Protein backbone atom coordinates (compact mmCIF):
# COMPACT_ATOMS: atom_id res chain seq x y z
CA MET A 1 111.05 100.43 96.91
CA LEU A 2 113.54 97.73 97.53
CA ARG A 3 116.17 97.15 94.90
CA GLU A 4 114.07 99.00 92.35
CA THR A 5 111.06 96.75 93.04
CA SER A 6 107.81 98.08 94.39
CA PHE A 7 105.64 96.01 96.69
CA CYS A 8 101.91 96.22 97.31
CA PHE A 9 100.19 94.14 99.99
CA VAL A 10 96.41 94.27 100.06
CA CYS A 11 94.83 93.06 103.29
CA CYS A 12 91.12 92.88 103.60
CA HIS A 13 88.50 90.65 105.13
CA LEU A 14 85.78 89.58 102.73
CA ALA A 15 82.97 87.52 104.14
CA SER A 16 82.41 84.24 102.38
CA GLY A 17 78.67 84.18 102.81
CA GLY A 18 76.51 81.16 102.48
CA LYS A 19 73.74 82.34 100.26
CA GLU A 20 73.43 82.04 96.45
CA GLY A 21 75.15 85.01 94.84
CA ASP A 22 77.51 85.76 97.75
CA VAL A 23 80.53 84.61 95.77
CA LEU A 24 79.68 87.08 92.98
CA LEU A 25 79.21 89.92 95.42
CA ARG A 26 82.57 89.16 97.07
CA ASN A 27 84.31 89.06 93.67
CA LEU A 28 82.68 92.46 92.79
CA ASP A 29 84.08 93.82 96.11
CA VAL A 30 87.59 92.69 95.11
CA ALA A 31 87.21 94.24 91.67
CA ASP A 32 86.07 97.49 93.29
CA ILE A 33 89.03 97.52 95.69
CA LEU A 34 91.50 96.90 92.79
CA ALA A 35 89.93 99.54 90.57
CA ARG A 36 89.42 102.34 93.10
CA THR A 37 92.47 102.18 95.30
CA ARG A 38 94.99 104.97 94.43
CA PHE A 39 98.29 105.87 95.94
CA PRO A 40 98.67 109.70 96.16
CA GLY A 41 101.91 110.99 94.70
CA GLY A 42 102.80 107.66 93.02
CA ALA A 43 103.06 109.03 89.53
CA THR A 44 105.20 111.98 90.61
CA GLN A 45 107.63 109.70 92.43
CA GLU A 46 107.87 107.15 89.62
CA LEU A 47 105.90 104.65 91.80
CA PRO A 48 102.81 102.74 90.77
CA GLU A 49 99.65 104.78 91.13
CA LYS A 50 97.21 101.81 91.38
CA ILE A 51 97.39 98.27 92.87
CA LEU A 52 97.38 96.57 89.43
CA ASP A 53 100.23 98.89 88.26
CA HIS A 54 102.62 96.83 90.42
CA GLU A 55 104.49 94.27 88.40
């Protein structure tokens, strides 16, 4: 935390693809990353537990 502000940087490489439906699959990958990523101990240290919990 910096000045009572938490930061979360998500770095990943998602292939753009060139076939029909690739954009949908890439967007599903992003949704999966956002939904499943957890930070152990976040709740006990008053830090965000998930990516989307960061404000």
